[in-house]
Amino acid sequence: MVTIEENALAAGFGSAVLQLLESSKLLEVRTECIGLPDKFVEHGPQGLSHSMFDLDHEGIVRRIRSSFPELALRGNTEQ
């Protein structure tokens, strides 16, 4: 399961999903939460902050492929 949010990961949507999985005893569900780190983030162009924190297309694809390598199709380099 992958959660993606344009917000802080700490106490965010991904945290709520992880809490629900844990309370439901679904501990075998692999997860990857993508969002902003729990630190000060400089304001600036949205595209720049998206690329800095893997919230753009390329970053999301990279994180999913890294966390779930078995999903990558052999020979498929398309994003």
Protein backbone atom coordinates (compact mmCIF):
# COMPACT_ATOMS: atom_id res chain seq x y z
CA MET A 1 0.00 0.00 0.00
CA VAL A 2 1.26 3.45 -0.88
CA THR A 3 0.01 6.70 0.61
CA ILE A 4 0.91 10.05 -0.95
CA GLU A 5 0.18 13.39 0.64
CA GLU A 6 1.18 17.02 0.16
CA ASN A 7 1.44 17.39 3.88
CA ALA A 8 3.67 16.36 6.78
CA LEU A 9 4.02 12.63 7.25
CA ALA A 10 3.96 13.02 11.04
CA ALA A 11 0.33 12.70 12.17
CA GLY A 12 -0.80 12.76 8.53
CA PHE A 13 -2.89 10.51 6.33
CA GLY A 14 -0.18 7.82 6.04
CA SER A 15 0.12 7.69 9.83
CA ALA A 16 -3.64 7.19 10.12
CA VAL A 17 -3.50 4.35 7.59
CA LEU A 18 -0.62 2.70 9.47
CA GLN A 19 -2.55 3.03 12.73
CA LEU A 20 -5.64 1.45 11.17
CA LEU A 21 -3.60 -1.44 9.77
CA GLU A 22 -1.98 -2.01 13.16
CA SER A 23 -5.25 -1.87 15.10
CA SER A 24 -6.80 -4.28 12.59
CA LYS A 25 -3.85 -6.67 13.07
CA LEU A 26 -2.94 -6.34 9.37
CA LEU A 27 0.77 -6.18 10.13
CA GLU A 28 1.78 -8.07 6.98
CA VAL A 29 0.64 -5.24 4.68
CA ARG A 30 3.73 -3.55 3.25
CA THR A 31 3.43 0.22 3.12
CA GLU A 32 5.29 3.20 1.76
CA CYS A 33 4.23 6.65 2.94
CA ILE A 34 5.30 9.54 0.74
CA GLY A 35 4.97 13.11 2.00
CA LEU A 36 6.79 15.99 3.60
CA PRO A 37 9.37 15.28 6.31
CA ASP A 38 8.85 16.52 9.87
CA LYS A 39 11.09 19.56 9.48
CA PHE A 40 10.92 23.15 8.27
CA VAL A 41 10.29 23.28 4.54
CA GLU A 42 11.25 26.46 2.68
CA HIS A 43 8.44 28.02 0.69
CA GLY A 44 8.97 28.24 -3.03
CA PRO A 45 7.69 27.00 -6.37
CA GLN A 46 5.45 23.98 -5.92
CA GLY A 47 7.25 21.99 -8.62
CA LEU A 48 10.58 22.44 -6.84
CA SER A 49 9.29 21.24 -3.48
CA HIS A 50 7.54 18.32 -5.18
CA SER A 51 10.79 17.17 -6.77
CA MET A 52 12.78 17.70 -3.54
CA PHE A 53 10.51 15.39 -1.56
CA ASP A 54 9.61 12.79 -4.23
CA LEU A 55 6.09 14.17 -4.67
CA ASP A 56 6.46 14.57 -8.43
CA HIS A 57 5.79 11.81 -10.97
CA GLU A 58 9.41 10.66 -11.17
CA GLY A 59 9.87 10.64 -7.40
CA ILE A 60 6.69 8.68 -6.76
CA VAL A 61 7.62 6.10 -9.39
CA ARG A 62 11.16 5.84 -7.98
CA ARG A 63 9.90 5.33 -4.41
CA ILE A 64 7.36 2.70 -5.45
CA ARG A 65 9.91 0.81 -7.54
CA SER A 66 12.38 0.94 -4.67
CA SER A 67 9.88 -0.24 -2.06
CA PHE A 68 8.14 -2.82 -4.26
CA PRO A 69 10.75 -4.04 -6.79
CA GLU A 70 8.66 -7.10 -7.60
CA LEU A 71 6.10 -4.82 -9.28
CA ALA A 72 8.53 -3.63 -11.94
CA LEU A 73 7.99 -5.35 -15.25
CA ARG A 74 11.11 -6.75 -16.88
CA GLY A 75 12.16 -4.72 -19.88
CA ASN A 76 9.58 -1.99 -19.16
CA THR A 77 11.45 1.28 -18.71
CA GLU A 78 8.38 3.43 -19.27
CA GLN A 79 7.25 5.62 -16.36
